[in-house]
Amino acid sequence: MYGLICKSLEGFVRDRRGAEAWGRIVARAELPFETFEALRVHDKEMMLRLIAAAAQEMQRETLALIEDVGHWICTHPPLEPVRRLIRFSGRNYVDLIHSFDEMQERAKLALPGIDFPEFLVTEVGPGRFEVVARWEMAGAAALLTGMFRAMADDYGALALIETTDFRREDGLSIEVISIHVIEQAFQEPKEFKLGLGV
């Protein structure tokens, strides 16, 4: 999972600020290389140094930066296959939210051994959901919040999304995202078809 995060952050910085900014981040984080491989196992401390250096370079709070990366993953044109994969998870925005209950299991089937966050989705009222993220470090909720915001626009839904709780429990970070889906058909959704090339 660390490799996926580092590679996504690298792509985000290069896209938004360019190669020179990325070079400064690499130097500040004292990395032994300049390019990450998504599926390579990377050290947790290295990732934390990278995120801190990127937040300083981008002049963003750490969790705000991670949320920006989550949004970028779902909206950056070259990552269209990622958007399509996420859209395939549900016919509408509410279906998508429910699909995150199974996301950890799906990730481990696709990439055995991956340290993927656990998500627990609860419908607490009409159009209201809580998504609990459990992982060894903080930030899973921020990444997911960015993705949920992007996909609300993608589905044409109007939703209020915020992180409402954070705590440490049994060595894990427990973060709670509150989602209020006000209207599923608020605007025209982005085009999505199952056929290739769309």
C-alpha atoms as a PDB file:
ATOM      1  CA  MET A   1       0.000   0.000   0.000  1.00  0.00           C
ATOM      2  CA  TYR A   2       2.885   2.344   0.753  1.00  0.00           C
ATOM      3  CA  GLY A   3       4.108   2.029  -2.827  1.00  0.00           C
ATOM      4  CA  LEU A   4       0.676   2.923  -4.218  1.00  0.00           C
ATOM      5  CA  ILE A   5       0.498   6.008  -1.995  1.00  0.00           C
ATOM      6  CA  CYS A   6       4.023   7.148  -2.858  1.00  0.00           C
ATOM      7  CA  LYS A   7       3.502   6.642  -6.594  1.00  0.00           C
ATOM      8  CA  SER A   8       0.186   8.524  -6.474  1.00  0.00           C
ATOM      9  CA  LEU A   9       1.809  11.384  -4.582  1.00  0.00           C
ATOM     10  CA  GLU A  10       4.644  11.492  -7.105  1.00  0.00           C
ATOM     11  CA  GLY A  11       2.179  11.688  -9.997  1.00  0.00           C
ATOM     12  CA  PHE A  12       0.129  14.368  -8.244  1.00  0.00           C
ATOM     13  CA  VAL A  13       3.133  16.603  -7.533  1.00  0.00           C
ATOM     14  CA  ARG A  14       4.609  16.215 -11.006  1.00  0.00           C
ATOM     15  CA  ASP A  15       1.216  17.030 -12.552  1.00  0.00           C
ATOM     16  CA  ARG A  16       0.484  20.040 -10.340  1.00  0.00           C
ATOM     17  CA  ARG A  17       3.939  21.525  -9.726  1.00  0.00           C
ATOM     18  CA  GLY A  18       6.320  19.887 -12.178  1.00  0.00           C
ATOM     19  CA  ALA A  19       9.528  17.867 -12.034  1.00  0.00           C
ATOM     20  CA  GLU A  20      11.547  20.550 -10.239  1.00  0.00           C
ATOM     21  CA  ALA A  21       9.142  20.616  -7.292  1.00  0.00           C
ATOM     22  CA  TRP A  22       9.261  16.830  -7.130  1.00  0.00           C
ATOM     23  CA  GLY A  23      13.052  16.969  -7.138  1.00  0.00           C
ATOM     24  CA  ARG A  24      13.022  19.316  -4.145  1.00  0.00           C
ATOM     25  CA  ILE A  25      10.677  16.971  -2.294  1.00  0.00           C
ATOM     26  CA  VAL A  26      12.912  13.976  -3.016  1.00  0.00           C
ATOM     27  CA  ALA A  27      15.931  15.874  -1.698  1.00  0.00           C
ATOM     28  CA  ARG A  28      14.123  17.115   1.409  1.00  0.00           C
ATOM     29  CA  ALA A  29      12.857  13.614   2.197  1.00  0.00           C
ATOM     30  CA  GLU A  30      16.368  12.200   1.624  1.00  0.00           C
ATOM     31  CA  LEU A  31      15.142   9.503  -0.734  1.00  0.00           C
ATOM     32  CA  PRO A  32      17.673   7.199  -2.426  1.00  0.00           C
ATOM     33  CA  PHE A  33      15.797   7.390  -5.760  1.00  0.00           C
ATOM     34  CA  GLU A  34      13.482   9.772  -7.625  1.00  0.00           C
ATOM     35  CA  THR A  35      10.773   7.486  -9.034  1.00  0.00           C
ATOM     36  CA  PHE A  36       8.503   5.054  -7.211  1.00  0.00           C
ATOM     37  CA  GLU A  37       7.075   1.760  -8.417  1.00  0.00           C
ATOM     38  CA  ALA A  38       3.479   1.283  -7.259  1.00  0.00           C
ATOM     39  CA  LEU A  39       3.754  -2.419  -6.434  1.00  0.00           C
ATOM     40  CA  ARG A  40       7.175  -2.334  -4.830  1.00  0.00           C
ATOM     41  CA  VAL A  41       7.393  -2.698  -1.043  1.00  0.00           C
ATOM     42  CA  HIS A  42       8.526   0.583   0.500  1.00  0.00           C
ATOM     43  CA  ASP A  43       9.448   1.524   4.036  1.00  0.00           C
ATOM     44  CA  LYS A  44       6.771   3.242   6.152  1.00  0.00           C
ATOM     45  CA  GLU A  45       9.200   5.828   7.522  1.00  0.00           C
ATOM     46  CA  MET A  46      10.277   6.713   3.994  1.00  0.00           C
ATOM     47  CA  MET A  47       6.656   7.286   3.035  1.00  0.00           C
ATOM     48  CA  LEU A  48       6.055   9.516   6.063  1.00  0.00           C
ATOM     49  CA  ARG A  49       9.127  11.611   5.205  1.00  0.00           C
ATOM     50  CA  LEU A  50       7.887  11.906   1.640  1.00  0.00           C
ATOM     51  CA  ILE A  51       4.408  13.053   2.678  1.00  0.00           C
ATOM     52  CA  ALA A  52       5.836  15.604   5.124  1.00  0.00           C
ATOM     53  CA  ALA A  53       8.220  16.979   2.488  1.00  0.00           C
ATOM     54  CA  ALA A  54       5.421  17.185  -0.084  1.00  0.00           C
ATOM     55  CA  ALA A  55       3.113  18.993   2.347  1.00  0.00           C
ATOM     56  CA  GLN A  56       5.863  21.539   3.000  1.00  0.00           C
ATOM     57  CA  GLU A  57       6.558  22.035  -0.711  1.00  0.00           C
ATOM     58  CA  MET A  58       2.854  22.327  -1.595  1.00  0.00           C
ATOM     59  CA  GLN A  59       2.135  24.490   1.466  1.00  0.00           C
ATOM     60  CA  ARG A  60      -0.736  22.243   2.519  1.00  0.00           C
ATOM     61  CA  GLU A  61      -1.665  20.529   5.765  1.00  0.00           C
ATOM     62  CA  THR A  62      -0.793  16.840   5.555  1.00  0.00           C
ATOM     63  CA  LEU A  63      -4.350  15.483   5.583  1.00  0.00           C
ATOM     64  CA  ALA A  64      -5.529  18.186   3.163  1.00  0.00           C
ATOM     65  CA  LEU A  65      -2.754  17.144   0.780  1.00  0.00           C
ATOM     66  CA  ILE A  66      -3.749  13.479   1.043  1.00  0.00           C
ATOM     67  CA  GLU A  67      -7.374  14.424   0.307  1.00  0.00           C
ATOM     68  CA  ASP A  68      -6.205  16.371  -2.758  1.00  0.00           C
ATOM     69  CA  VAL A  69      -4.374  13.265  -3.966  1.00  0.00           C
ATOM     70  CA  GLY A  70      -7.517  11.154  -3.514  1.00  0.00           C
ATOM     71  CA  HIS A  71      -9.522  13.615  -5.607  1.00  0.00           C
ATOM     72  CA  TRP A  72      -6.789  13.733  -8.261  1.00  0.00           C
ATOM     73  CA  ILE A  73      -6.695   9.931  -8.584  1.00  0.00           C
ATOM     74  CA  CYS A  74     -10.349   9.979  -9.688  1.00  0.00           C
ATOM     75  CA  THR A  75     -10.174  13.010 -11.978  1.00  0.00           C
ATOM     76  CA  HIS A  76      -6.748  12.990 -13.670  1.00  0.00           C
ATOM     77  CA  PRO A  77      -7.410  12.054 -17.353  1.00  0.00           C
ATOM     78  CA  PRO A  78      -4.504   9.569 -17.696  1.00  0.00           C
ATOM     79  CA  LEU A  79      -5.976   7.660 -14.733  1.00  0.00           C
ATOM     80  CA  GLU A  80      -9.306   7.137 -16.502  1.00  0.00           C
ATOM     81  CA  PRO A  81      -9.112   3.334 -15.945  1.00  0.00           C
ATOM     82  CA  VAL A  82      -9.174   3.992 -12.189  1.00  0.00           C
ATOM     83  CA  ARG A  83     -12.295   6.137 -12.518  1.00  0.00           C
ATOM     84  CA  ARG A  84     -13.935   3.459 -14.648  1.00  0.00           C
ATOM     85  CA  LEU A  85     -13.073   0.753 -12.117  1.00  0.00           C
ATOM     86  CA  ILE A  86     -14.619   2.794  -9.309  1.00  0.00           C
ATOM     87  CA  ARG A  87     -17.742   3.564 -11.362  1.00  0.00           C
ATOM     88  CA  PHE A  88     -18.078  -0.152 -12.034  1.00  0.00           C
ATOM     89  CA  SER A  89     -18.476  -0.623  -8.260  1.00  0.00           C
ATOM     90  CA  GLY A  90     -21.991   0.824  -8.222  1.00  0.00           C
ATOM     91  CA  ARG A  91     -24.894   1.861 -10.434  1.00  0.00           C
ATOM     92  CA  ASN A  92     -25.289   5.041  -8.409  1.00  0.00           C
ATOM     93  CA  TYR A  93     -23.485   6.981  -5.706  1.00  0.00           C
ATOM     94  CA  VAL A  94     -25.139   5.162  -2.796  1.00  0.00           C
ATOM     95  CA  ASP A  95     -24.185   1.808  -4.330  1.00  0.00           C
ATOM     96  CA  LEU A  96     -20.610   3.060  -4.556  1.00  0.00           C
ATOM     97  CA  ILE A  97     -20.563   3.972  -0.867  1.00  0.00           C
ATOM     98  CA  HIS A  98     -21.838   0.515   0.104  1.00  0.00           C
ATOM     99  CA  SER A  99     -19.197  -1.144  -2.091  1.00  0.00           C
ATOM    100  CA  PHE A 100     -16.411   0.050   0.206  1.00  0.00           C
ATOM    101  CA  ASP A 101     -17.528  -2.549   2.749  1.00  0.00           C
ATOM    102  CA  GLU A 102     -15.847  -5.122   0.486  1.00  0.00           C
ATOM    103  CA  MET A 103     -12.948  -3.008  -0.757  1.00  0.00           C
ATOM    104  CA  GLN A 104     -10.268  -4.521   1.489  1.00  0.00           C
ATOM    105  CA  GLU A 105     -11.231  -8.056   0.479  1.00  0.00           C
ATOM    106  CA  ARG A 106     -11.232  -7.146  -3.216  1.00  0.00           C
ATOM    107  CA  ALA A 107      -7.852  -5.440  -2.930  1.00  0.00           C
ATOM    108  CA  LYS A 108      -6.317  -8.488  -1.256  1.00  0.00           C
ATOM    109  CA  LEU A 109      -7.719 -10.779  -3.939  1.00  0.00           C
ATOM    110  CA  ALA A 110      -6.151  -8.610  -6.631  1.00  0.00           C
ATOM    111  CA  LEU A 111      -2.887  -7.977  -4.758  1.00  0.00           C
ATOM    112  CA  PRO A 112      -2.237 -10.709  -2.174  1.00  0.00           C
ATOM    113  CA  GLY A 113      -0.297  -9.440   0.809  1.00  0.00           C
ATOM    114  CA  ILE A 114      -1.232  -5.779   0.349  1.00  0.00           C
ATOM    115  CA  ASP A 115      -1.698  -3.839   3.594  1.00  0.00           C
ATOM    116  CA  PHE A 116      -4.999  -2.208   2.615  1.00  0.00           C
ATOM    117  CA  PRO A 117      -7.185  -0.189   5.028  1.00  0.00           C
ATOM    118  CA  GLU A 118     -10.391  -1.755   6.311  1.00  0.00           C
ATOM    119  CA  PHE A 119     -13.612   0.182   5.676  1.00  0.00           C
ATOM    120  CA  LEU A 120     -16.911  -0.411   7.471  1.00  0.00           C
ATOM    121  CA  VAL A 121     -19.991   1.274   5.987  1.00  0.00           C
ATOM    122  CA  THR A 122     -23.121   1.904   8.076  1.00  0.00           C
ATOM    123  CA  GLU A 123     -26.321   3.559   6.870  1.00  0.00           C
ATOM    124  CA  VAL A 124     -27.344   5.662   9.882  1.00  0.00           C
ATOM    125  CA  GLY A 125     -30.432   7.261   8.321  1.00  0.00           C
ATOM    126  CA  PRO A 126     -32.064   8.076   4.985  1.00  0.00           C
ATOM    127  CA  GLY A 127     -29.211   9.137   2.717  1.00  0.00           C
ATOM    128  CA  ARG A 128     -26.799   9.302   5.660  1.00  0.00           C
ATOM    129  CA  PHE A 129     -23.760   7.055   6.027  1.00  0.00           C
ATOM    130  CA  GLU A 130     -20.772   6.568   8.281  1.00  0.00           C
ATOM    131  CA  VAL A 131     -17.635   5.043   6.834  1.00  0.00           C
ATOM    132  CA  VAL A 132     -15.124   3.885   9.441  1.00  0.00           C
ATOM    133  CA  ALA A 133     -11.553   3.547   8.184  1.00  0.00           C
ATOM    134  CA  ARG A 134      -9.170   1.350  10.190  1.00  0.00           C
ATOM    135  CA  TRP A 135      -5.483   1.375   9.315  1.00  0.00           C
ATOM    136  CA  GLU A 136      -2.126   1.481  11.049  1.00  0.00           C
ATOM    137  CA  MET A 137      -1.700   5.212  10.356  1.00  0.00           C
ATOM    138  CA  ALA A 138      -3.889   8.268   9.894  1.00  0.00           C
ATOM    139  CA  GLY A 139      -4.765   9.396   6.379  1.00  0.00           C
ATOM    140  CA  ALA A 140      -6.977   6.642   4.959  1.00  0.00           C
ATOM    141  CA  ALA A 141     -10.085   8.750   5.621  1.00  0.00           C
ATOM    142  CA  ALA A 142      -8.543  11.808   3.968  1.00  0.00           C
ATOM    143  CA  LEU A 143      -7.666   9.841   0.828  1.00  0.00           C
ATOM    144  CA  LEU A 144     -11.146   8.306   0.741  1.00  0.00           C
ATOM    145  CA  THR A 145     -12.816  11.686   1.328  1.00  0.00           C
ATOM    146  CA  GLY A 146     -11.082  13.082  -1.743  1.00  0.00           C
ATOM    147  CA  MET A 147     -12.227  10.104  -3.780  1.00  0.00           C
ATOM    148  CA  PHE A 148     -15.809  10.360  -2.482  1.00  0.00           C
ATOM    149  CA  ARG A 149     -15.930  14.071  -3.386  1.00  0.00           C
ATOM    150  CA  ALA A 150     -14.683  13.397  -6.900  1.00  0.00           C
ATOM    151  CA  MET A 151     -17.054  10.500  -7.458  1.00  0.00           C
ATOM    152  CA  ALA A 152     -20.064  12.471  -6.206  1.00  0.00           C
ATOM    153  CA  ASP A 153     -19.433  14.855  -9.102  1.00  0.00           C
ATOM    154  CA  ASP A 154     -18.864  11.900 -11.417  1.00  0.00           C
ATOM    155  CA  TYR A 155     -22.226  10.353 -10.514  1.00  0.00           C
ATOM    156  CA  GLY A 156     -23.976  13.742 -10.560  1.00  0.00           C
ATOM    157  CA  ALA A 157     -24.833  13.492  -6.856  1.00  0.00           C
ATOM    158  CA  LEU A 158     -24.983  16.253  -4.253  1.00  0.00           C
ATOM    159  CA  ALA A 159     -23.363  15.133  -1.004  1.00  0.00           C
ATOM    160  CA  LEU A 160     -21.850  16.606   2.142  1.00  0.00           C
ATOM    161  CA  ILE A 161     -18.712  14.732   3.202  1.00  0.00           C
ATOM    162  CA  GLU A 162     -16.585  15.321   6.296  1.00  0.00           C
ATOM    163  CA  THR A 163     -14.341  13.495   8.731  1.00  0.00           C
ATOM    164  CA  THR A 164     -16.123  13.512  12.082  1.00  0.00           C
ATOM    165  CA  ASP A 165     -13.966  11.413  14.404  1.00  0.00           C
ATOM    166  CA  PHE A 166     -10.395  10.209  14.885  1.00  0.00           C
ATOM    167  CA  ARG A 167      -8.878   8.027  17.571  1.00  0.00           C
ATOM    168  CA  ARG A 168      -6.199   5.410  18.190  1.00  0.00           C
ATOM    169  CA  GLU A 169      -7.363   1.949  19.216  1.00  0.00           C
ATOM    170  CA  ASP A 170      -5.345  -1.271  19.530  1.00  0.00           C
ATOM    171  CA  GLY A 171      -2.483   0.277  17.586  1.00  0.00           C
ATOM    172  CA  LEU A 172      -4.721   1.371  14.698  1.00  0.00           C
ATOM    173  CA  SER A 173      -5.997   4.747  13.531  1.00  0.00           C
ATOM    174  CA  ILE A 174      -9.810   4.799  13.544  1.00  0.00           C
ATOM    175  CA  GLU A 175     -11.237   7.563  11.354  1.00  0.00           C
ATOM    176  CA  VAL A 176     -14.922   8.201  10.688  1.00  0.00           C
ATOM    177  CA  ILE A 177     -16.281   9.823   7.529  1.00  0.00           C
ATOM    178  CA  SER A 178     -19.823  11.203   7.570  1.00  0.00           C
ATOM    179  CA  ILE A 179     -21.633  11.306   4.216  1.00  0.00           C
ATOM    180  CA  HIS A 180     -25.020  12.936   3.657  1.00  0.00           C
ATOM    181  CA  VAL A 181     -26.326  12.205   0.167  1.00  0.00           C
ATOM    182  CA  ILE A 182     -28.755  15.075  -0.369  1.00  0.00           C
ATOM    183  CA  GLU A 183     -29.678  14.208  -3.933  1.00  0.00           C
ATOM    184  CA  GLN A 184     -28.447  11.375  -6.159  1.00  0.00           C
ATOM    185  CA  ALA A 185     -29.488  13.039  -9.432  1.00  0.00           C
ATOM    186  CA  PHE A 186     -28.440  16.617  -8.699  1.00  0.00           C
ATOM    187  CA  GLN A 187     -26.760  17.140 -12.062  1.00  0.00           C
ATOM    188  CA  GLU A 188     -25.914  15.262 -15.238  1.00  0.00           C
ATOM    189  CA  PRO A 189     -23.430  12.477 -14.445  1.00  0.00           C
ATOM    190  CA  LYS A 190     -20.269  11.984 -16.440  1.00  0.00           C
ATOM    191  CA  GLU A 191     -20.597   9.514 -19.267  1.00  0.00           C
ATOM    192  CA  PHE A 192     -19.907   5.918 -18.341  1.00  0.00           C
ATOM    193  CA  LYS A 193     -20.356   2.799 -20.448  1.00  0.00           C
ATOM    194  CA  LEU A 194     -19.073  -0.726 -19.991  1.00  0.00           C
ATOM    195  CA  GLY A 195     -17.562  -0.860 -23.466  1.00  0.00           C
ATOM    196  CA  LEU A 196     -13.857  -0.248 -23.908  1.00  0.00           C
ATOM    197  CA  GLY A 197     -12.630   3.038 -25.248  1.00  0.00           C
ATOM    198  CA  VAL A 198     -15.300   5.162 -23.511  1.00  0.00           C
END
